[in-house]
Amino acid sequence: MEIRVFNKELDSKKVVDLWNEVVKEDDFYYQFTEEEYTRILFNNPHFKAEGAICAYEGDELIGFACGMIRNEDMEKPEAPGYMNTIMVKKAYRRQGIGTKLLNAVEKYFADCGKGASRCVFISPVNWPWYIPGTDHHNHPGCPAVPVNSDYYFFLLHNHYHVQGHIDAFHLPLAEYHMPEKVAQKMKENAEKGLTIEVYDPEKHYGVEEFCEAINNPGFARSIRYNLQREEPRPFLIVSDHGRMAGWTGPMYTEETGRGHLDGIAVDPNVRGGGLGKSLFCSLCEYSKKQGSKFMTFFTGLENPARYIYLGAGFDIVQTFAIMKKEFK
């Protein structure tokens, strides 16, 4: 058996074929064309061949592993490397090949001055996956390691430890109905001048003030980026007598039928009156009416918004573990 660094010209197609063979076993991750896989992994701006390792038995590719270091983190010793892929052909498992591949990627991280390897949603690559038990309802990015998967136990056995957990939520929108308690709360808030509306620049104001008030740079970027589009996508807001005091993110249906969700945010000055739940439930209702078939997303165990999602009828369909191994 030979363990060597990836060569794009020689190995690309074999890696894609191996990926499709392996993921077909569980039908959890997508199968890809060579072009799709290359776009996601090999053409990723953070990809470097030194962090991609192949295992060969003669001319047969029997294993592959890949990890990445963000380009902006190369000179930051405190920043980790990120594992995103490890797979071994079924007939060659439990022979130590996966561990050798993992160790080779970890050595690449260490040689680059990194003190740790992580599996977490801030990795440059998060593979899209299917919701178990559905007709390929999907989520566009796997946030960490699926709990109780073979990969999860493999990493535990190789001295990775769990840093936290993330839950994935799912709802077929055909089953969605606005909860009566939420509808009643919306009526009460409307009497106070707090209404849920589709944003209209001719009618609403206070976007920049809202961006500052929520103190969330990621959400603020999303708001500004959408409004700078030639044709901004519609989004819901809490209107406080016309002033923007809440936000759902741009609303549209993805090619898979998934209703898009960036997040929800409410101005701290008007929180506590059920506006976050009203925004989210109105988003679900809007997405259903616009033809979205389902919604998926994930959130951490400590995020209180999870109770909004559960109250709206969503189910937790998969738990993921954020995992880390320290080298020093």
Protein backbone atom coordinates (compact mmCIF):
# COMPACT_ATOMS: atom_id res chain seq x y z
CA MET A 1 0.00 0.00 0.00
CA GLU A 2 1.21 3.52 -0.84
CA ILE A 3 0.24 6.69 1.06
CA ARG A 4 1.02 9.83 -0.90
CA VAL A 5 0.03 13.45 -1.49
CA PHE A 6 -2.84 14.13 -3.88
CA ASN A 7 -2.08 14.81 -7.56
CA LYS A 8 -4.99 16.59 -9.25
CA GLU A 9 -4.28 15.26 -12.73
CA LEU A 10 -3.85 11.66 -11.60
CA ASP A 11 -6.25 11.37 -8.70
CA SER A 12 -9.26 13.67 -9.16
CA LYS A 13 -11.60 11.29 -10.95
CA LYS A 14 -10.65 8.38 -8.70
CA VAL A 15 -11.37 10.45 -5.59
CA VAL A 16 -14.80 11.41 -6.91
CA ASP A 17 -15.58 7.80 -7.82
CA LEU A 18 -14.49 6.65 -4.35
CA TRP A 19 -16.60 9.35 -2.69
CA ASN A 20 -19.71 8.33 -4.64
CA GLU A 21 -19.12 4.65 -3.86
CA VAL A 22 -18.71 5.31 -0.13
CA VAL A 23 -21.58 7.78 0.39
CA LYS A 24 -23.97 5.55 -1.56
CA GLU A 25 -23.82 3.07 1.33
CA ASP A 26 -25.77 5.33 3.73
CA ASP A 27 -27.31 7.89 1.35
CA PHE A 28 -26.52 10.62 3.87
CA TYR A 29 -24.13 12.80 1.83
CA TYR A 30 -24.65 13.84 -1.78
CA GLN A 31 -23.22 11.97 -4.73
CA PHE A 32 -21.47 14.37 -7.14
CA THR A 33 -20.33 14.73 -10.70
CA GLU A 34 -16.60 15.28 -11.10
CA GLU A 35 -17.27 18.93 -11.94
CA GLU A 36 -19.37 19.47 -8.80
CA TYR A 37 -16.89 17.75 -6.49
CA THR A 38 -13.98 19.66 -8.02
CA ARG A 39 -15.77 22.96 -7.50
CA ILE A 40 -16.45 22.23 -3.83
CA LEU A 41 -13.12 20.68 -2.83
CA PHE A 42 -10.25 20.86 -5.31
CA ASN A 43 -11.04 24.40 -6.49
CA ASN A 44 -11.76 25.68 -3.00
CA PRO A 45 -9.51 28.73 -2.45
CA HIS A 46 -8.15 27.18 0.77
CA PHE A 47 -7.37 23.77 -0.77
CA LYS A 48 -3.72 22.71 -0.95
CA ALA A 49 -2.57 19.39 -2.33
CA GLU A 50 -0.27 18.88 0.68
CA GLY A 51 -3.35 18.60 2.89
CA ALA A 52 -4.98 15.94 0.70
CA ILE A 53 -3.69 12.38 1.09
CA CYS A 54 -4.35 9.30 -1.07
CA ALA A 55 -4.00 5.61 -0.21
CA TYR A 56 -3.34 3.25 -3.13
CA GLU A 57 -3.20 -0.50 -3.47
CA GLY A 58 -1.46 -0.84 -6.81
CA ASP A 59 -3.44 1.35 -9.21
CA GLU A 60 -6.58 1.26 -7.07
CA LEU A 61 -7.45 4.25 -4.87
CA ILE A 62 -8.63 2.72 -1.60
CA GLY A 63 -8.65 5.74 0.69
CA PHE A 64 -8.59 9.54 0.73
CA ALA A 65 -8.42 12.23 3.42
CA CYS A 66 -8.37 16.01 3.25
CA GLY A 67 -7.90 18.87 5.65
CA MET A 68 -7.58 22.60 5.09
CA ILE A 69 -6.11 25.63 6.76
CA ARG A 70 -7.76 28.92 5.96
CA ASN A 71 -5.39 31.14 3.96
CA GLU A 72 -5.82 33.97 6.44
CA ASP A 73 -4.86 31.59 9.28
CA MET A 74 -1.58 30.33 7.84
CA GLU A 75 0.48 32.72 9.98
CA LYS A 76 -1.68 32.33 13.09
CA PRO A 77 -0.34 29.52 15.31
CA GLU A 78 -3.46 29.63 17.48
CA ALA A 79 -5.75 28.86 14.52
CA PRO A 80 -6.41 25.14 13.88
CA GLY A 81 -6.58 23.06 10.74
CA TYR A 82 -9.97 21.73 9.67
CA MET A 83 -10.65 18.10 8.75
CA ASN A 84 -13.35 17.79 6.11
CA THR A 85 -12.99 14.37 4.45
CA ILE A 86 -11.82 10.87 5.27
CA MET A 87 -13.00 7.74 3.47
CA VAL A 88 -11.80 4.19 2.89
CA LYS A 89 -13.14 1.65 0.41
CA LYS A 90 -15.37 -0.85 2.22
CA ALA A 91 -13.21 -3.92 1.53
CA TYR A 92 -10.16 -2.22 3.11
CA ARG A 93 -11.66 -0.91 6.35
CA ARG A 94 -10.52 -1.84 9.87
CA GLN A 95 -6.96 -2.33 8.65
CA GLY A 96 -5.56 0.97 9.97
CA ILE A 97 -5.70 2.76 6.61
CA GLY A 98 -8.06 5.47 7.85
CA THR A 99 -5.79 6.19 10.81
CA LYS A 100 -2.75 6.49 8.54
CA LEU A 101 -4.60 8.94 6.31
CA LEU A 102 -5.78 10.94 9.32
CA ASN A 103 -2.27 11.05 10.78
CA ALA A 104 -0.88 12.27 7.46
CA VAL A 105 -3.32 15.20 7.38
CA GLU A 106 -2.59 15.99 11.02
CA LYS A 107 1.13 16.00 10.20
CA TYR A 108 0.43 18.53 7.45
CA PHE A 109 -1.35 20.72 10.02
CA ALA A 110 1.53 20.36 12.49
CA ASP A 111 4.16 21.08 9.81
CA CYS A 112 2.27 24.31 9.11
CA GLY A 113 2.59 25.27 12.76
CA LYS A 114 -0.93 24.32 13.83
CA GLY A 115 -1.55 22.90 17.28
CA ALA A 116 -4.95 21.36 16.66
CA SER A 117 -7.37 19.81 14.19
CA ARG A 118 -11.10 20.58 14.32
CA CYS A 119 -14.33 19.35 12.74
CA VAL A 120 -16.76 22.27 12.86
CA PHE A 121 -19.05 24.39 10.68
CA ILE A 122 -16.45 27.15 10.19
CA SER A 123 -14.40 24.71 8.10
CA PRO A 124 -13.85 25.88 4.50
CA VAL A 125 -15.78 22.78 3.33
CA ASN A 126 -19.06 21.53 4.78
CA TRP A 127 -20.55 18.73 2.70
CA PRO A 128 -24.29 18.93 1.88
CA TRP A 129 -26.41 16.12 3.29
CA TYR A 130 -29.86 14.57 3.19
CA ILE A 131 -32.38 14.52 6.04
CA PRO A 132 -32.76 10.85 7.08
CA GLY A 133 -36.15 9.32 6.33
CA THR A 134 -37.16 11.92 3.71
CA ASP A 135 -37.31 12.07 -0.06
CA HIS A 136 -33.88 13.70 -0.18
CA HIS A 137 -34.83 16.84 1.71
CA ASN A 138 -31.47 18.45 2.16
CA HIS A 139 -29.30 20.84 4.11
CA PRO A 140 -26.50 22.61 2.20
CA GLY A 141 -23.76 22.16 4.79
CA CYS A 142 -22.90 19.55 7.42
CA PRO A 143 -22.00 21.58 10.55
CA ALA A 144 -19.81 18.98 12.28
CA VAL A 145 -19.57 15.19 12.79
CA PRO A 146 -22.84 13.19 12.80
CA VAL A 147 -23.19 11.71 16.28
CA ASN A 148 -23.07 7.88 16.42
CA SER A 149 -21.75 7.65 12.85
CA ASP A 150 -18.72 5.49 12.02
CA TYR A 151 -16.77 8.72 11.50
CA TYR A 152 -17.73 9.94 14.98
CA PHE A 153 -16.44 6.78 16.68
CA PHE A 154 -13.36 6.74 14.45
CA LEU A 155 -12.40 10.23 15.62
CA LEU A 156 -13.07 9.37 19.27
CA HIS A 157 -10.73 6.40 18.95
CA ASN A 158 -8.10 8.71 17.45
CA HIS A 159 -8.13 11.06 20.46
CA TYR A 160 -10.56 13.71 19.26
CA HIS A 161 -12.81 15.06 21.99
CA VAL A 162 -16.29 16.57 21.80
CA GLN A 163 -16.45 20.34 22.33
CA GLY A 164 -20.17 20.77 21.87
CA HIS A 165 -23.25 19.66 20.00
CA ILE A 166 -25.42 21.11 17.25
CA ASP A 167 -28.95 20.00 16.37
CA ALA A 168 -30.43 19.98 12.87
CA PHE A 169 -34.12 20.90 12.48
CA HIS A 170 -36.53 19.95 9.69
CA LEU A 171 -40.16 20.51 8.73
CA PRO A 172 -42.12 19.52 5.60
CA LEU A 173 -43.96 22.79 4.93
CA ALA A 174 -47.10 21.01 3.76
CA GLU A 175 -47.59 20.21 7.45
CA TYR A 176 -47.05 23.78 8.63
CA HIS A 177 -49.85 25.90 10.10
CA MET A 178 -49.48 29.18 11.96
CA PRO A 179 -49.82 28.37 15.70
CA GLU A 180 -52.92 29.96 17.19
CA LYS A 181 -50.97 31.43 20.10
CA VAL A 182 -48.59 33.14 17.68
CA ALA A 183 -51.45 34.52 15.58
CA GLN A 184 -53.07 35.93 18.75
CA LYS A 185 -49.78 37.48 19.87
CA MET A 186 -49.36 39.11 16.46
CA LYS A 187 -52.77 40.75 16.86
CA GLU A 188 -51.83 42.07 20.30
CA ASN A 189 -48.53 43.46 19.01
CA ALA A 190 -50.27 45.05 16.00
CA GLU A 191 -52.40 47.07 18.43
CA LYS A 192 -49.12 48.50 19.72
CA GLY A 193 -47.92 49.37 16.23
CA LEU A 194 -45.61 46.34 15.93
CA THR A 195 -46.47 44.43 12.77
CA ILE A 196 -44.83 41.77 10.59
CA GLU A 197 -44.48 43.04 7.01
CA VAL A 198 -42.49 42.45 3.83
CA TYR A 199 -39.82 45.17 3.73
CA ASP A 200 -40.65 48.08 1.43
CA PRO A 201 -37.99 50.82 1.05
CA GLU A 202 -40.75 53.31 0.20
CA LYS A 203 -42.52 52.57 3.46
CA HIS A 204 -39.91 51.46 5.99
CA TYR A 205 -36.78 53.10 7.38
CA GLY A 206 -33.97 52.56 9.92
CA VAL A 207 -31.96 49.75 8.28
CA GLU A 208 -28.54 51.00 9.41
CA GLU A 209 -29.80 51.78 12.90
CA PHE A 210 -31.17 48.24 13.11
CA CYS A 211 -27.83 46.77 11.96
CA GLU A 212 -26.07 48.62 14.76
CA ALA A 213 -28.69 47.71 17.37
CA ILE A 214 -28.56 43.93 16.84
CA ASN A 215 -24.73 43.85 17.21
CA ASN A 216 -24.40 40.89 14.82
CA PRO A 217 -21.87 41.58 12.02
CA GLY A 218 -22.88 38.46 10.07
CA PHE A 219 -26.55 39.40 9.97
CA ALA A 220 -25.65 43.01 9.17
CA ARG A 221 -23.57 41.85 6.19
CA SER A 222 -26.45 39.70 4.96
CA ILE A 223 -28.90 42.61 5.19
CA ARG A 224 -26.61 45.02 3.34
CA TYR A 225 -25.58 42.47 0.70
CA ASN A 226 -29.19 41.67 -0.14
CA LEU A 227 -30.20 45.33 -0.37
CA GLN A 228 -27.25 46.00 -2.71
CA ARG A 229 -28.42 43.34 -5.18
CA GLU A 230 -29.82 44.60 -8.48
CA GLU A 231 -33.09 42.97 -7.41
CA PRO A 232 -33.07 42.46 -3.62
CA ARG A 233 -34.86 39.35 -2.42
CA PRO A 234 -37.93 39.98 -0.25
CA PHE A 235 -37.61 39.70 3.52
CA LEU A 236 -39.87 40.18 6.50
CA ILE A 237 -39.36 42.78 9.18
CA VAL A 238 -40.92 43.86 12.43
CA SER A 239 -42.27 47.29 11.62
CA ASP A 240 -42.41 49.58 14.66
CA HIS A 241 -44.66 52.26 13.16
CA GLY A 242 -42.52 51.99 10.00
CA ARG A 243 -39.12 51.65 11.68
CA MET A 244 -37.28 48.37 11.05
CA ALA A 245 -37.10 46.49 14.36
CA GLY A 246 -36.78 42.86 13.25
CA TRP A 247 -35.54 40.82 10.27
CA THR A 248 -35.85 37.32 8.82
CA GLY A 249 -33.22 37.26 6.11
CA PRO A 250 -33.92 37.06 2.36
CA MET A 251 -36.69 34.64 1.42
CA TYR A 252 -36.57 32.36 -1.62
CA THR A 253 -36.87 28.71 -2.60
CA GLU A 254 -33.64 26.88 -3.40
CA GLU A 255 -33.41 24.49 -6.37
CA THR A 256 -33.94 21.51 -4.06
CA GLY A 257 -37.25 22.90 -2.79
CA ARG A 258 -35.71 24.08 0.48
CA GLY A 259 -37.00 27.35 1.90
CA HIS A 260 -33.93 29.51 2.48
CA LEU A 261 -33.16 30.73 5.99
CA ASP A 262 -30.34 33.06 7.00
CA GLY A 263 -31.61 33.77 10.51
CA ILE A 264 -33.89 36.02 12.52
CA ALA A 265 -33.05 39.03 14.65
CA VAL A 266 -35.05 41.48 16.77
CA ASP A 267 -34.01 44.92 18.00
CA PRO A 268 -33.13 44.56 21.73
CA ASN A 269 -35.39 47.52 22.49
CA VAL A 270 -38.53 45.58 21.53
CA ARG A 271 -37.59 42.02 22.53
CA GLY A 272 -39.65 39.96 24.92
CA GLY A 273 -43.02 40.34 23.24
CA GLY A 274 -42.99 37.25 21.05
CA LEU A 275 -41.74 39.11 17.97
CA GLY A 276 -38.97 36.61 17.22
CA LYS A 277 -41.44 33.73 17.19
CA SER A 278 -43.87 35.78 15.08
CA LEU A 279 -41.13 36.56 12.55
CA PHE A 280 -40.07 32.94 12.25
CA CYS A 281 -43.60 31.59 11.95
CA SER A 282 -44.45 34.24 9.36
CA LEU A 283 -41.34 33.24 7.41
CA CYS A 284 -42.50 29.61 7.40
CA GLU A 285 -45.94 30.67 6.23
CA TYR A 286 -44.51 32.89 3.48
CA SER A 287 -42.14 30.13 2.29
CA LYS A 288 -45.00 27.61 2.13
CA LYS A 289 -47.16 30.01 0.09
CA GLN A 290 -44.25 30.68 -2.30
CA GLY A 291 -43.87 26.96 -3.05
CA SER A 292 -41.05 25.86 -0.75
CA LYS A 293 -41.41 22.16 0.15
CA PHE A 294 -39.45 22.06 3.39
CA MET A 295 -37.09 23.97 5.66
CA THR A 296 -33.90 22.83 7.38
CA PHE A 297 -31.33 24.55 9.57
CA PHE A 298 -29.13 23.90 12.58
CA THR A 299 -28.47 25.62 15.87
CA GLY A 300 -26.46 25.08 19.04
CA LEU A 301 -27.79 23.50 22.21
CA GLU A 302 -27.49 26.79 24.08
CA ASN A 303 -29.44 28.88 21.57
CA PRO A 304 -32.82 29.79 23.13
CA ALA A 305 -34.27 30.21 19.63
CA ARG A 306 -34.47 26.39 19.44
CA TYR A 307 -37.68 26.61 21.47
CA ILE A 308 -39.17 28.89 18.83
CA TYR A 309 -38.39 26.25 16.20
CA LEU A 310 -39.79 23.39 18.25
CA GLY A 311 -42.91 25.42 19.01
CA ALA A 312 -43.40 26.01 15.28
CA GLY A 313 -43.52 22.24 14.69
CA PHE A 314 -39.97 21.49 13.60
CA ASP A 315 -38.33 18.19 14.54
CA ILE A 316 -34.70 17.61 15.56
CA VAL A 317 -33.54 15.11 12.94
CA GLN A 318 -29.78 14.84 13.52
CA THR A 319 -27.27 15.82 16.20
CA PHE A 320 -23.71 16.75 15.28
CA ALA A 321 -20.60 16.87 17.47
CA ILE A 322 -18.00 19.61 17.21
CA MET A 323 -14.72 17.70 17.66
CA LYS A 324 -11.11 18.68 18.25
CA LYS A 325 -7.70 17.09 18.69
CA GLU A 326 -4.78 19.02 20.12
CA PHE A 327 -1.24 18.13 19.04
CA LYS A 328 0.71 20.05 21.68
